[in-house]
PDB file of all heavy atoms in Angstrom:
ATOM      1  N   THR A   1     116.407  16.504 109.891  1.00  0.00           N
ATOM      2  CA  THR A   1     116.732  16.313 111.275  1.00  0.00           C
ATOM      3  C   THR A   1     117.124  17.672 111.888  1.00  0.00           C
ATOM      4  O   THR A   1     118.105  18.266 111.405  1.00  0.00           O
ATOM      5  CB  THR A   1     117.878  15.315 111.480  1.00  0.00           C
ATOM      6  OG1 THR A   1     117.551  14.052 110.861  1.00  0.00           O
ATOM      7  CG2 THR A   1     118.126  15.069 112.965  1.00  0.00           C
ATOM      8  N   ILE A   2     116.374  18.139 112.838  1.00  0.00           N
ATOM      9  CA  ILE A   2     116.566  19.445 113.426  1.00  0.00           C
ATOM     10  C   ILE A   2     116.877  19.286 114.901  1.00  0.00           C
ATOM     11  O   ILE A   2     116.001  18.904 115.657  1.00  0.00           O
ATOM     12  CB  ILE A   2     115.319  20.365 113.189  1.00  0.00           C
ATOM     13  CG1 ILE A   2     115.106  20.561 111.717  1.00  0.00           C
ATOM     14  CG2 ILE A   2     115.504  21.700 113.919  1.00  0.00           C
ATOM     15  CD1 ILE A   2     113.825  21.317 111.383  1.00  0.00           C
ATOM     16  N   PRO A   3     118.120  19.542 115.312  1.00  0.00           N
ATOM     17  CA  PRO A   3     118.506  19.315 116.723  1.00  0.00           C
ATOM     18  C   PRO A   3     118.111  20.483 117.640  1.00  0.00           C
ATOM     19  O   PRO A   3     118.555  21.613 117.459  1.00  0.00           O
ATOM     20  CB  PRO A   3     120.010  19.153 116.632  1.00  0.00           C
ATOM     21  CG  PRO A   3     120.404  19.960 115.432  1.00  0.00           C
ATOM     22  CD  PRO A   3     119.276  19.927 114.493  1.00  0.00           C
ATOM     23  N   LEU A   4     117.279  20.187 118.575  1.00  0.00           N
ATOM     24  CA  LEU A   4     116.912  21.149 119.612  1.00  0.00           C
ATOM     25  C   LEU A   4     117.591  20.776 120.944  1.00  0.00           C
ATOM     26  O   LEU A   4     118.260  19.776 121.020  1.00  0.00           O
ATOM     27  CB  LEU A   4     115.390  21.191 119.783  1.00  0.00           C
ATOM     28  CG  LEU A   4     114.551  21.475 118.537  1.00  0.00           C
ATOM     29  CD1 LEU A   4     113.060  21.512 118.902  1.00  0.00           C
ATOM     30  CD2 LEU A   4     114.963  22.750 117.869  1.00  0.00           C
ATOM     31  N   PHE A   5     117.350  21.595 121.933  1.00  0.00           N
ATOM     32  CA  PHE A   5     117.921  21.289 123.226  1.00  0.00           C
ATOM     33  C   PHE A   5     117.029  20.249 123.898  1.00  0.00           C
ATOM     34  O   PHE A   5     115.950  20.507 124.424  1.00  0.00           O
ATOM     35  CB  PHE A   5     117.997  22.532 124.113  1.00  0.00           C
ATOM     36  CG  PHE A   5     118.862  22.372 125.336  1.00  0.00           C
ATOM     37  CD1 PHE A   5     120.203  22.696 125.319  1.00  0.00           C
ATOM     38  CD2 PHE A   5     118.328  21.873 126.529  1.00  0.00           C
ATOM     39  CE1 PHE A   5     121.014  22.513 126.430  1.00  0.00           C
ATOM     40  CE2 PHE A   5     119.148  21.718 127.648  1.00  0.00           C
ATOM     41  CZ  PHE A   5     120.497  22.027 127.583  1.00  0.00           C
ATOM     42  N   GLY A   6     117.432  18.978 123.810  1.00  0.00           N
ATOM     43  CA  GLY A   6     116.691  17.900 124.447  1.00  0.00           C
ATOM     44  C   GLY A   6     115.962  16.976 123.507  1.00  0.00           C
ATOM     45  O   GLY A   6     115.483  15.886 123.937  1.00  0.00           O
ATOM     46  N   ARG A   7     115.838  17.347 122.263  1.00  0.00           N
ATOM     47  CA  ARG A   7     115.155  16.430 121.293  1.00  0.00           C
ATOM     48  C   ARG A   7     115.591  16.754 119.885  1.00  0.00           C
ATOM     49  O   ARG A   7     116.147  17.847 119.609  1.00  0.00           O
ATOM     50  CB  ARG A   7     113.652  16.520 121.410  1.00  0.00           C
ATOM     51  CG  ARG A   7     112.999  17.770 120.830  1.00  0.00           C
ATOM     52  CD  ARG A   7     111.479  17.597 120.695  1.00  0.00           C
ATOM     53  NE  ARG A   7     110.795  18.800 120.268  1.00  0.00           N
ATOM     54  CZ  ARG A   7     110.583  19.087 118.993  1.00  0.00           C
ATOM     55  NH1 ARG A   7     111.027  18.312 118.053  1.00  0.00           N
ATOM     56  NH2 ARG A   7     109.914  20.193 118.666  1.00  0.00           N
ATOM     57  N   ASN A   8     115.240  15.869 118.983  1.00  0.00           N
ATOM     58  CA  ASN A   8     115.438  16.128 117.554  1.00  0.00           C
ATOM     59  C   ASN A   8     114.074  16.154 116.863  1.00  0.00           C
ATOM     60  O   ASN A   8     113.268  15.273 117.090  1.00  0.00           O
ATOM     61  CB  ASN A   8     116.286  15.035 116.886  1.00  0.00           C
ATOM     62  CG  ASN A   8     117.759  15.105 117.292  1.00  0.00           C
ATOM     63  OD1 ASN A   8     118.305  16.163 117.470  1.00  0.00           O
ATOM     64  ND2 ASN A   8     118.360  13.940 117.503  1.00  0.00           N
ATOM     65  N   GLY A   9     113.853  17.171 116.089  1.00  0.00           N
ATOM     66  CA  GLY A   9     112.686  17.168 115.201  1.00  0.00           C
ATOM     67  C   GLY A   9     113.086  16.384 113.932  1.00  0.00           C
ATOM     68  O   GLY A   9     114.089  16.690 113.305  1.00  0.00           O
ATOM     69  N   MET A  10     112.299  15.361 113.612  1.00  0.00           N
ATOM     70  CA  MET A  10     112.610  14.556 112.407  1.00  0.00           C
ATOM     71  C   MET A  10     111.360  14.487 111.550  1.00  0.00           C
ATOM     72  O   MET A  10     110.242  14.356 112.067  1.00  0.00           O
ATOM     73  CB  MET A  10     113.088  13.168 112.766  1.00  0.00           C
ATOM     74  CG  MET A  10     114.422  13.174 113.555  1.00  0.00           C
ATOM     75  SD  MET A  10     115.054  11.453 113.820  1.00  0.00           S
ATOM     76  CE  MET A  10     115.509  11.024 112.125  1.00  0.00           C
ATOM     77  N   GLY A  11     111.547  14.532 110.216  1.00  0.00           N
ATOM     78  CA  GLY A  11     110.439  14.432 109.326  1.00  0.00           C
ATOM     79  C   GLY A  11     110.832  13.962 107.962  1.00  0.00           C
ATOM     80  O   GLY A  11     111.958  14.196 107.518  1.00  0.00           O
ATOM     81  N   TYR A  12     109.894  13.317 107.296  1.00  0.00           N
ATOM     82  CA  TYR A  12     110.128  12.800 105.954  1.00  0.00           C
ATOM     83  C   TYR A  12     109.178  13.545 105.038  1.00  0.00           C
ATOM     84  O   TYR A  12     107.974  13.471 105.133  1.00  0.00           O
ATOM     85  CB  TYR A  12     109.814  11.286 105.945  1.00  0.00           C
ATOM     86  CG  TYR A  12     110.137  10.545 104.647  1.00  0.00           C
ATOM     87  CD1 TYR A  12     110.647  11.168 103.500  1.00  0.00           C
ATOM     88  CD2 TYR A  12     109.888   9.167 104.566  1.00  0.00           C
ATOM     89  CE1 TYR A  12     110.895  10.476 102.354  1.00  0.00           C
ATOM     90  CE2 TYR A  12     110.147   8.438 103.392  1.00  0.00           C
ATOM     91  CZ  TYR A  12     110.641   9.123 102.282  1.00  0.00           C
ATOM     92  OH  TYR A  12     110.890   8.393 101.116  1.00  0.00           O
ATOM     93  N   VAL A  13     109.758  14.323 104.123  1.00  0.00           N
ATOM     94  CA  VAL A  13     109.016  15.042 103.097  1.00  0.00           C
ATOM     95  C   VAL A  13     108.990  14.198 101.806  1.00  0.00           C
ATOM     96  O   VAL A  13     110.061  13.814 101.327  1.00  0.00           O
ATOM     97  CB  VAL A  13     109.677  16.414 102.767  1.00  0.00           C
ATOM     98  CG1 VAL A  13     108.926  17.101 101.662  1.00  0.00           C
ATOM     99  CG2 VAL A  13     109.657  17.283 104.039  1.00  0.00           C
ATOM    100  N   TYR A  14     107.812  13.870 101.301  1.00  0.00           N
ATOM    101  CA  TYR A  14     107.771  12.927 100.190  1.00  0.00           C
ATOM    102  C   TYR A  14     106.648  13.271  99.222  1.00  0.00           C
ATOM    103  O   TYR A  14     105.763  14.086  99.507  1.00  0.00           O
ATOM    104  CB  TYR A  14     107.606  11.504 100.721  1.00  0.00           C
ATOM    105  CG  TYR A  14     106.305  11.251 101.456  1.00  0.00           C
ATOM    106  CD1 TYR A  14     105.213  10.678 100.784  1.00  0.00           C
ATOM    107  CD2 TYR A  14     106.190  11.565 102.786  1.00  0.00           C
ATOM    108  CE1 TYR A  14     104.007  10.484 101.468  1.00  0.00           C
ATOM    109  CE2 TYR A  14     105.002  11.314 103.497  1.00  0.00           C
ATOM    110  CZ  TYR A  14     103.930  10.777 102.805  1.00  0.00           C
ATOM    111  OH  TYR A  14     102.729  10.557 103.468  1.00  0.00           O
ATOM    112  N   SER A  15     106.735  12.608  98.056  1.00  0.00           N
ATOM    113  CA  SER A  15     105.659  12.793  97.063  1.00  0.00           C
ATOM    114  C   SER A  15     104.678  11.631  97.154  1.00  0.00           C
ATOM    115  O   SER A  15     105.097  10.462  97.167  1.00  0.00           O
ATOM    116  CB  SER A  15     106.321  12.771  95.640  1.00  0.00           C
ATOM    117  OG  SER A  15     105.303  12.685  94.661  1.00  0.00           O
ATOM    118  N   SER A  16     103.424  11.984  97.178  1.00  0.00           N
ATOM    119  CA  SER A  16     102.364  10.923  97.327  1.00  0.00           C
ATOM    120  C   SER A  16     102.319  10.100  96.019  1.00  0.00           C
ATOM    121  O   SER A  16     101.680   9.048  96.017  1.00  0.00           O
ATOM    122  CB  SER A  16     101.023  11.573  97.595  1.00  0.00           C
ATOM    123  OG  SER A  16     100.665  12.491  96.567  1.00  0.00           O
ATOM    124  N   GLU A  17     102.954  10.543  94.964  1.00  0.00           N
ATOM    125  CA  GLU A  17     102.998   9.744  93.738  1.00  0.00           C
ATOM    126  C   GLU A  17     103.950   8.543  93.878  1.00  0.00           C
ATOM    127  O   GLU A  17     103.840   7.584  93.156  1.00  0.00           O
ATOM    128  CB  GLU A  17     103.460  10.592  92.570  1.00  0.00           C
ATOM    129  CG  GLU A  17     102.524  11.745  92.158  1.00  0.00           C
ATOM    130  CD  GLU A  17     103.092  12.526  91.029  1.00  0.00           C
ATOM    131  OE1 GLU A  17     103.883  11.965  90.237  1.00  0.00           O
ATOM    132  OE2 GLU A  17     102.730  13.734  90.916  1.00  0.00           O
ATOM    133  N   TYR A  18     104.853   8.629  94.859  1.00  0.00           N
ATOM    134  CA  TYR A  18     105.887   7.592  94.987  1.00  0.00           C
ATOM    135  C   TYR A  18     105.887   6.891  96.345  1.00  0.00           C
ATOM    136  O   TYR A  18     106.595   5.920  96.478  1.00  0.00           O
ATOM    137  CB  TYR A  18     107.280   8.225  94.750  1.00  0.00           C
ATOM    138  CG  TYR A  18     107.464   8.739  93.344  1.00  0.00           C
ATOM    139  CD1 TYR A  18     107.090  10.036  93.011  1.00  0.00           C
ATOM    140  CD2 TYR A  18     107.960   7.908  92.357  1.00  0.00           C
ATOM    141  CE1 TYR A  18     107.261  10.501  91.698  1.00  0.00           C
ATOM    142  CE2 TYR A  18     108.127   8.381  91.029  1.00  0.00           C
ATOM    143  CZ  TYR A  18     107.784   9.662  90.733  1.00  0.00           C
ATOM    144  OH  TYR A  18     107.918  10.151  89.433  1.00  0.00           O
ATOM    145  N   SER A  19     105.106   7.349  97.265  1.00  0.00           N
ATOM    146  CA  SER A  19     105.037   6.699  98.580  1.00  0.00           C
ATOM    147  C   SER A  19     103.708   6.977  99.233  1.00  0.00           C
ATOM    148  O   SER A  19     103.151   8.071  99.066  1.00  0.00           O
ATOM    149  CB  SER A  19     106.183   7.195  99.478  1.00  0.00           C
ATOM    150  OG  SER A  19     106.054   6.615 100.781  1.00  0.00           O
ATOM    151  N   GLY A  20     103.220   6.004 100.016  1.00  0.00           N
ATOM    152  CA  GLY A  20     102.042   6.201 100.829  1.00  0.00           C
ATOM    153  C   GLY A  20     102.444   6.611 102.215  1.00  0.00           C
ATOM    154  O   GLY A  20     103.608   6.526 102.598  1.00  0.00           O
ATOM    155  N   PRO A  21     101.492   7.058 103.058  1.00  0.00           N
ATOM    156  CA  PRO A  21     101.831   7.538 104.411  1.00  0.00           C
ATOM    157  C   PRO A  21     102.396   6.435 105.303  1.00  0.00           C
ATOM    158  O   PRO A  21     103.285   6.691 106.110  1.00  0.00           O
ATOM    159  CB  PRO A  21     100.527   8.089 104.916  1.00  0.00           C
ATOM    160  CG  PRO A  21      99.449   7.502 104.029  1.00  0.00           C
ATOM    161  CD  PRO A  21     100.090   7.328 102.714  1.00  0.00           C
ATOM    162  N   GLU A  22     101.892   5.203 105.158  1.00  0.00           N
ATOM    163  CA  GLU A  22     102.389   4.128 106.023  1.00  0.00           C
ATOM    164  C   GLU A  22     103.828   3.787 105.687  1.00  0.00           C
ATOM    165  O   GLU A  22     104.684   3.623 106.564  1.00  0.00           O
ATOM    166  CB  GLU A  22     101.507   2.858 105.856  1.00  0.00           C
ATOM    167  CG  GLU A  22     100.058   3.032 106.333  1.00  0.00           C
ATOM    168  CD  GLU A  22      99.209   3.692 105.290  1.00  0.00           C
ATOM    169  OE1 GLU A  22      99.682   3.908 104.150  1.00  0.00           O
ATOM    170  OE2 GLU A  22      98.034   4.031 105.592  1.00  0.00           O
ATOM    171  N   GLU A  23     104.150   3.742 104.418  1.00  0.00           N
ATOM    172  CA  GLU A  23     105.494   3.444 103.961  1.00  0.00           C
ATOM    173  C   GLU A  23     106.426   4.526 104.406  1.00  0.00           C
ATOM    174  O   GLU A  23     107.581   4.267 104.875  1.00  0.00           O
ATOM    175  CB  GLU A  23     105.497   3.313 102.418  1.00  0.00           C
ATOM    176  CG  GLU A  23     106.862   2.937 101.831  1.00  0.00           C
ATOM    177  CD  GLU A  23     106.854   2.886 100.336  1.00  0.00           C
ATOM    178  OE1 GLU A  23     105.756   3.119  99.754  1.00  0.00           O
ATOM    179  OE2 GLU A  23     107.922   2.673  99.716  1.00  0.00           O
ATOM    180  N   ALA A  24     106.025   5.795 104.296  1.00  0.00           N
ATOM    181  CA  ALA A  24     106.859   6.934 104.688  1.00  0.00           C
ATOM    182  C   ALA A  24     107.105   6.926 106.202  1.00  0.00           C
ATOM    183  O   ALA A  24     108.214   7.145 106.663  1.00  0.00           O
ATOM    184  CB  ALA A  24     106.183   8.245 104.263  1.00  0.00           C
ATOM    185  N   GLU A  25     106.055   6.644 106.969  1.00  0.00           N
ATOM    186  CA  GLU A  25     106.231   6.648 108.434  1.00  0.00           C
ATOM    187  C   GLU A  25     107.200   5.506 108.835  1.00  0.00           C
ATOM    188  O   GLU A  25     108.010   5.672 109.722  1.00  0.00           O
ATOM    189  CB  GLU A  25     104.893   6.451 109.115  1.00  0.00           C
ATOM    190  CG  GLU A  25     105.001   6.418 110.621  1.00  0.00           C
ATOM    191  CD  GLU A  25     103.663   6.352 111.339  1.00  0.00           C
ATOM    192  OE1 GLU A  25     102.646   6.714 110.746  1.00  0.00           O
ATOM    193  OE2 GLU A  25     103.640   5.849 112.504  1.00  0.00           O
ATOM    194  N   LYS A  26     107.041   4.356 108.170  1.00  0.00           N
ATOM    195  CA  LYS A  26     107.965   3.222 108.493  1.00  0.00           C
ATOM    196  C   LYS A  26     109.406   3.610 108.217  1.00  0.00           C
ATOM    197  O   LYS A  26     110.330   3.309 109.019  1.00  0.00           O
ATOM    198  CB  LYS A  26     107.530   2.016 107.678  1.00  0.00           C
ATOM    199  CG  LYS A  26     108.401   0.789 107.897  1.00  0.00           C
ATOM    200  CD  LYS A  26     107.943  -0.406 107.068  1.00  0.00           C
ATOM    201  CE  LYS A  26     108.820  -1.628 107.300  1.00  0.00           C
ATOM    202  NZ  LYS A  26     108.390  -2.739 106.442  1.00  0.00           N
ATOM    203  N   ALA A  27     109.643   4.274 107.100  1.00  0.00           N
ATOM    204  CA  ALA A  27     111.028   4.666 106.756  1.00  0.00           C
ATOM    205  C   ALA A  27     111.557   5.681 107.749  1.00  0.00           C
ATOM    206  O   ALA A  27     112.723   5.624 108.130  1.00  0.00           O
ATOM    207  CB  ALA A  27     111.050   5.259 105.304  1.00  0.00           C
ATOM    208  N   LEU A  28     110.682   6.599 108.179  1.00  0.00           N
ATOM    209  CA  LEU A  28     111.159   7.622 109.156  1.00  0.00           C
ATOM    210  C   LEU A  28     111.463   6.990 110.477  1.00  0.00           C
ATOM    211  O   LEU A  28     112.474   7.304 111.113  1.00  0.00           O
ATOM    212  CB  LEU A  28     110.018   8.663 109.333  1.00  0.00           C
ATOM    213  CG  LEU A  28     110.304   9.765 110.350  1.00  0.00           C
ATOM    214  CD1 LEU A  28     111.536  10.597 109.980  1.00  0.00           C
ATOM    215  CD2 LEU A  28     109.097  10.681 110.494  1.00  0.00           C
ATOM    216  N   ARG A  29     110.602   6.067 110.945  1.00  0.00           N
ATOM    217  CA  ARG A  29     110.857   5.426 112.212  1.00  0.00           C
ATOM    218  C   ARG A  29     112.140   4.569 112.175  1.00  0.00           C
ATOM    219  O   ARG A  29     112.885   4.529 113.160  1.00  0.00           O
ATOM    220  CB  ARG A  29     109.643   4.538 112.600  1.00  0.00           C
ATOM    221  CG  ARG A  29     108.411   5.338 113.004  1.00  0.00           C
ATOM    222  CD  ARG A  29     107.317   4.439 113.501  1.00  0.00           C
ATOM    223  NE  ARG A  29     106.119   5.141 113.865  1.00  0.00           N
ATOM    224  CZ  ARG A  29     105.943   5.803 115.022  1.00  0.00           C
ATOM    225  NH1 ARG A  29     106.872   5.774 115.949  1.00  0.00           N
ATOM    226  NH2 ARG A  29     104.825   6.456 115.253  1.00  0.00           N
ATOM    227  N   GLN A  30     112.364   3.961 111.065  1.00  0.00           N
ATOM    228  CA  GLN A  30     113.574   3.165 110.919  1.00  0.00           C
ATOM    229  C   GLN A  30     114.786   4.087 111.012  1.00  0.00           C
ATOM    230  O   GLN A  30     115.796   3.741 111.638  1.00  0.00           O
ATOM    231  CB  GLN A  30     113.567   2.437 109.573  1.00  0.00           C
ATOM    232  CG  GLN A  30     114.774   1.494 109.367  1.00  0.00           C
ATOM    233  CD  GLN A  30     114.665   0.684 108.088  1.00  0.00           C
ATOM    234  OE1 GLN A  30     113.742   0.894 107.284  1.00  0.00           O
ATOM    235  NE2 GLN A  30     115.581  -0.226 107.873  1.00  0.00           N
ATOM    236  N   ALA A  31     114.748   5.236 110.389  1.00  0.00           N
ATOM    237  CA  ALA A  31     115.852   6.165 110.460  1.00  0.00           C
ATOM    238  C   ALA A  31     116.068   6.736 111.850  1.00  0.00           C
ATOM    239  O   ALA A  31     117.202   6.953 112.286  1.00  0.00           O
ATOM    240  CB  ALA A  31     115.669   7.317 109.470  1.00  0.00           C
ATOM    241  N   ALA A  32     114.946   6.960 112.573  1.00  0.00           N
ATOM    242  CA  ALA A  32     115.033   7.524 113.928  1.00  0.00           C
ATOM    243  C   ALA A  32     115.522   6.497 114.956  1.00  0.00           C
ATOM    244  O   ALA A  32     116.084   6.919 115.983  1.00  0.00           O
ATOM    245  CB  ALA A  32     113.669   8.082 114.315  1.00  0.00           C
ATOM    246  N   GLY A  33     115.305   5.250 114.719  1.00  0.00           N
ATOM    247  CA  GLY A  33     115.804   4.233 115.634  1.00  0.00           C
ATOM    248  C   GLY A  33     114.875   3.949 116.791  1.00  0.00           C
ATOM    249  O   GLY A  33     113.737   4.380 116.813  1.00  0.00           O
ATOM    250  N   PRO A  34     115.350   3.221 117.792  1.00  0.00           N
ATOM    251  CA  PRO A  34     114.534   2.763 118.924  1.00  0.00           C
ATOM    252  C   PRO A  34     113.884   3.903 119.700  1.00  0.00           C
ATOM    253  O   PRO A  34     112.814   3.713 120.267  1.00  0.00           O
ATOM    254  CB  PRO A  34     115.539   2.017 119.840  1.00  0.00           C
ATOM    255  CG  PRO A  34     116.602   1.585 118.887  1.00  0.00           C
ATOM    256  CD  PRO A  34     116.716   2.655 117.870  1.00  0.00           C
ATOM    257  N   ALA A  35     114.431   5.114 119.719  1.00  0.00           N
ATOM    258  CA  ALA A  35     113.877   6.219 120.454  1.00  0.00           C
ATOM    259  C   ALA A  35     112.512   6.617 119.903  1.00  0.00           C
ATOM    260  O   ALA A  35     111.724   7.269 120.638  1.00  0.00           O
ATOM    261  CB  ALA A  35     114.862   7.416 120.425  1.00  0.00           C
ATOM    262  N   ALA A  36     112.172   6.236 118.663  1.00  0.00           N
ATOM    263  CA  ALA A  36     110.937   6.642 118.083  1.00  0.00           C
ATOM    264  C   ALA A  36     109.821   5.564 118.232  1.00  0.00           C
ATOM    265  O   ALA A  36     108.716   5.756 117.763  1.00  0.00           O
ATOM    266  CB  ALA A  36     111.121   6.893 116.584  1.00  0.00           C
ATOM    267  N   ALA A  37     110.107   4.506 118.933  1.00  0.00           N
ATOM    268  CA  ALA A  37     109.204   3.352 118.969  1.00  0.00           C
ATOM    269  C   ALA A  37     107.808   3.665 119.383  1.00  0.00           C
ATOM    270  O   ALA A  37     106.833   3.267 118.772  1.00  0.00           O
ATOM    271  CB  ALA A  37     109.800   2.277 119.884  1.00  0.00           C
ATOM    272  N   ASP A  38     107.588   4.439 120.438  1.00  0.00           N
ATOM    273  CA  ASP A  38     106.267   4.702 120.971  1.00  0.00           C
ATOM    274  C   ASP A  38     105.754   6.101 120.710  1.00  0.00           C
ATOM    275  O   ASP A  38     104.818   6.552 121.305  1.00  0.00           O
ATOM    276  CB  ASP A  38     106.240   4.447 122.489  1.00  0.00           C
ATOM    277  CG  ASP A  38     106.619   3.013 122.841  1.00  0.00           C
ATOM    278  OD1 ASP A  38     106.118   2.105 122.111  1.00  0.00           O
ATOM    279  OD2 ASP A  38     107.365   2.759 123.806  1.00  0.00           O
ATOM    280  N   LEU A  39     106.450   6.804 119.779  1.00  0.00           N
ATOM    281  CA  LEU A  39     106.080   8.198 119.547  1.00  0.00           C
ATOM    282  C   LEU A  39     104.942   8.298 118.524  1.00  0.00           C
ATOM    283  O   LEU A  39     104.833   7.524 117.593  1.00  0.00           O
ATOM    284  CB  LEU A  39     107.294   8.935 118.993  1.00  0.00           C
ATOM    285  CG  LEU A  39     108.542   9.000 119.856  1.00  0.00           C
ATOM    286  CD1 LEU A  39     109.652   9.792 119.166  1.00  0.00           C
ATOM    287  CD2 LEU A  39     108.239   9.682 121.200  1.00  0.00           C
ATOM    288  N   GLU A  40     104.108   9.295 118.713  1.00  0.00           N
ATOM    289  CA  GLU A  40     102.996   9.520 117.789  1.00  0.00           C
ATOM    290  C   GLU A  40     103.516  10.317 116.584  1.00  0.00           C
ATOM    291  O   GLU A  40     104.192  11.337 116.743  1.00  0.00           O
ATOM    292  CB  GLU A  40     101.884  10.312 118.468  1.00  0.00           C
ATOM    293  CG  GLU A  40     100.690  10.558 117.551  1.00  0.00           C
ATOM    294  CD  GLU A  40      99.550  11.334 118.280  1.00  0.00           C
ATOM    295  OE1 GLU A  40      99.710  11.607 119.487  1.00  0.00           O
ATOM    296  OE2 GLU A  40      98.553  11.661 117.585  1.00  0.00           O
TER     297      GLU A  40
END
């Protein structure tokens, strides 16, 4: 979580041996909360 002036950069760094992209994106969106609902 990287706080900028007006937004937060958020990202999930993971191993493809233990998670797929859909699972990782779901976990990231859950951590980010409602503000991430419609974000690409």
